[in-house]
Protein backbone atom coordinates (compact mmCIF):
# COMPACT_ATOMS: atom_id res chain seq x y z
CA MET A 1 90.83 109.01 101.67
CA THR A 2 90.73 106.72 104.65
CA TRP A 3 93.50 106.04 107.18
CA THR A 4 95.42 103.24 105.43
CA PRO A 5 95.46 104.87 101.98
CA ASP A 6 96.50 108.15 103.65
CA LEU A 7 99.42 106.35 105.29
CA LEU A 8 100.58 104.51 102.17
CA THR A 9 100.20 107.40 99.73
CA GLY A 10 101.95 109.69 102.19
CA MET A 11 104.84 107.24 102.54
CA ALA A 12 105.06 106.85 98.75
CA GLN A 13 105.14 110.62 98.30
CA ALA A 14 107.84 110.93 101.00
CA LEU A 15 110.00 108.40 99.12
CA ASP A 16 109.49 110.46 95.96
CA ASP A 17 110.30 113.72 97.79
CA ALA A 18 113.54 112.13 99.09
CA GLY A 19 114.57 111.18 95.54
CA ILE A 20 114.46 107.42 96.21
CA GLY A 21 111.87 106.73 93.53
CA ILE A 22 109.08 108.31 91.52
CA TYR A 23 105.47 108.14 92.71
CA THR A 24 102.98 108.99 89.99
CA PRO A 25 99.65 107.32 90.82
CA GLY A 26 98.12 105.67 87.79
CA HIS A 27 101.11 105.76 85.44
CA PHE A 28 104.87 105.39 85.25
CA THR A 29 107.31 107.91 83.90
CA SER A 30 110.16 105.89 82.40
CA SER A 31 111.47 102.36 82.29
CA THR A 32 114.76 103.60 83.78
CA ASP A 33 113.13 105.20 86.84
CA CYS A 34 112.46 103.49 90.15
CA GLY A 35 108.67 103.46 90.12
CA ILE A 36 106.78 103.55 93.43
CA THR A 37 103.39 101.83 93.62
CA LEU A 38 100.90 100.64 96.21
CA GLY A 39 100.27 96.90 96.39
CA THR A 40 102.42 95.15 93.80
CA THR A 41 105.49 96.23 91.86
CA ASN A 42 104.95 97.44 88.32
CA ASP A 43 106.63 95.65 85.46
CA GLU A 44 107.29 98.78 83.39
CA SER A 45 110.22 100.18 85.38
CA VAL A 46 113.46 98.26 85.86
CA LYS A 47 113.66 99.20 89.55
CA ALA A 48 110.53 99.31 91.68
CA ILE A 49 109.22 99.90 95.18
CA ALA A 50 105.78 98.69 96.31
CA LEU A 51 104.13 99.54 99.64
CA PHE A 52 101.58 97.23 101.26
CA ALA A 53 99.98 97.47 104.71
CA TYR A 54 99.22 94.22 106.53
CA SER A 55 98.05 92.83 109.92
CA PRO A 56 97.85 95.89 112.19
CA VAL A 57 98.06 95.51 115.95
CA ASP A 58 95.45 97.84 117.46
CA HIS A 59 95.04 98.74 121.12
CA PHE A 60 91.49 97.98 122.18
CA VAL A 61 90.97 101.20 124.21
CA LEU A 62 93.62 103.71 123.17
CA ALA A 63 93.93 105.06 119.62
CA ASP A 64 97.36 103.46 119.28
CA VAL A 65 98.20 101.19 116.36
CA MET A 66 101.32 99.42 115.18
CA GLN A 67 100.86 99.15 111.41
CA PRO A 68 103.30 96.86 109.59
CA VAL A 69 104.17 98.04 106.09
CA GLN A 70 105.91 95.77 103.62
CA ILE A 71 108.21 97.62 101.27
CA ARG A 72 108.93 95.30 98.38
CA ILE A 73 111.99 96.35 96.39
CA ARG A 74 113.05 95.23 92.95
CA GLY A 75 116.48 96.19 91.73
CA THR A 76 118.48 95.48 88.62
CA LEU A 77 120.63 92.51 87.59
CA ASP A 78 123.21 93.83 90.09
CA VAL A 79 122.51 92.23 93.49
CA THR A 80 123.65 95.37 95.32
CA SER A 81 120.91 97.47 93.69
CA VAL A 82 118.24 96.26 96.15
CA ASP A 83 120.59 96.99 99.04
CA THR A 84 121.18 100.52 97.76
CA ILE A 85 117.44 101.24 97.60
CA GLY A 86 116.82 99.52 100.95
CA ASP A 87 119.62 101.48 102.62
CA ALA A 88 118.18 104.77 101.36
CA ILE A 89 114.76 103.87 102.81
CA PHE A 90 116.35 102.80 106.11
CA ASP A 91 118.28 106.08 106.31
CA LEU A 92 115.08 108.02 105.64
CA TRP A 93 112.78 106.31 108.15
CA HIS A 94 114.33 103.96 110.71
CA GLY A 95 114.04 105.50 114.15
CA THR A 96 112.15 108.59 113.00
CA THR A 97 109.50 110.09 115.25
CA GLY A 98 106.63 112.47 114.72
CA LEU A 99 106.25 112.19 110.94
CA ILE A 100 102.89 113.02 109.37
CA PHE A 101 101.71 111.24 106.22
CA ASN A 102 98.59 113.06 105.01
CA SER A 103 96.18 112.68 107.97
CA VAL A 104 98.25 109.99 109.74
CA HIS A 105 100.35 111.09 112.71
CA THR A 106 103.14 108.64 113.49
CA SER A 107 104.99 108.31 116.77
CA MET A 108 107.83 106.09 115.49
CA ILE A 109 108.93 104.10 112.45
CA ARG A 110 111.38 101.21 112.66
CA ARG A 111 112.51 98.48 110.33
CA ASN A 112 111.62 95.05 111.66
CA SER A 113 113.11 92.71 109.05
CA VAL A 114 114.69 92.29 105.64
CA VAL A 115 113.96 89.20 103.57
CA PRO A 116 115.81 88.49 100.31
CA LEU A 117 113.37 87.28 97.66
CA GLY A 118 115.80 86.11 95.01
CA ARG A 119 115.32 87.03 91.35
CA ASP A 120 112.21 87.63 89.27
CA GLU A 121 111.57 86.13 85.81
CA ARG A 122 113.87 88.78 84.28
CA ASN A 123 116.69 88.02 86.77
CA ARG A 124 116.20 91.32 88.66
CA TRP A 125 116.99 91.06 92.37
CA MET A 126 114.21 91.54 94.93
CA ALA A 127 113.86 91.97 98.70
CA SER A 128 111.16 92.73 101.24
CA HIS A 129 111.83 95.29 103.97
CA ASN A 130 109.20 95.25 106.69
CA TYR A 131 108.65 98.38 108.76
CA TYR A 132 106.54 98.93 111.87
CA VAL A 133 104.74 102.27 111.91
CA SER A 134 103.50 103.23 115.37
CA ALA A 135 100.75 105.77 114.92
CA ASN A 136 97.57 107.32 116.21
CA ARG A 137 94.32 106.01 114.69
CA PRO A 138 91.37 107.44 116.56
CA THR A 139 87.87 106.09 115.99
CA ALA A 140 84.48 106.79 117.56
CA SER A 141 85.20 104.00 120.08
CA ARG A 142 88.84 105.03 120.64
CA PRO A 143 88.92 108.83 120.46
CA ASP A 144 92.36 108.98 122.13
């Protein structure tokens, strides 16, 4: 894998390991589980978490990067369900240092924002939690 997929799949697996959701690439286990995907939320599970990397800020000489990761959460008909999932993710990652996701070595993770997204077509509540992952991303031009 390359750097971004290593980061996202590692984060998805860490959420699974923490019991926050279930990450099974390519399929979903049950409609009652909180399925974890990359990109967009799946429609099969009632609750869902989707991870998406966007707009990194890269240092031009050092191998430092600040990689924003959107964590899109879909809960149930109960508005507090998205807060419960979001709080569990916050407790797991906000302020952590030195985590390794596959080949990606992070220096710090922090939540930057939370945006309520209202309800989907099935009236399930949604929110976007945006995290900044400070990490090391060496290249031939920025070996560190």
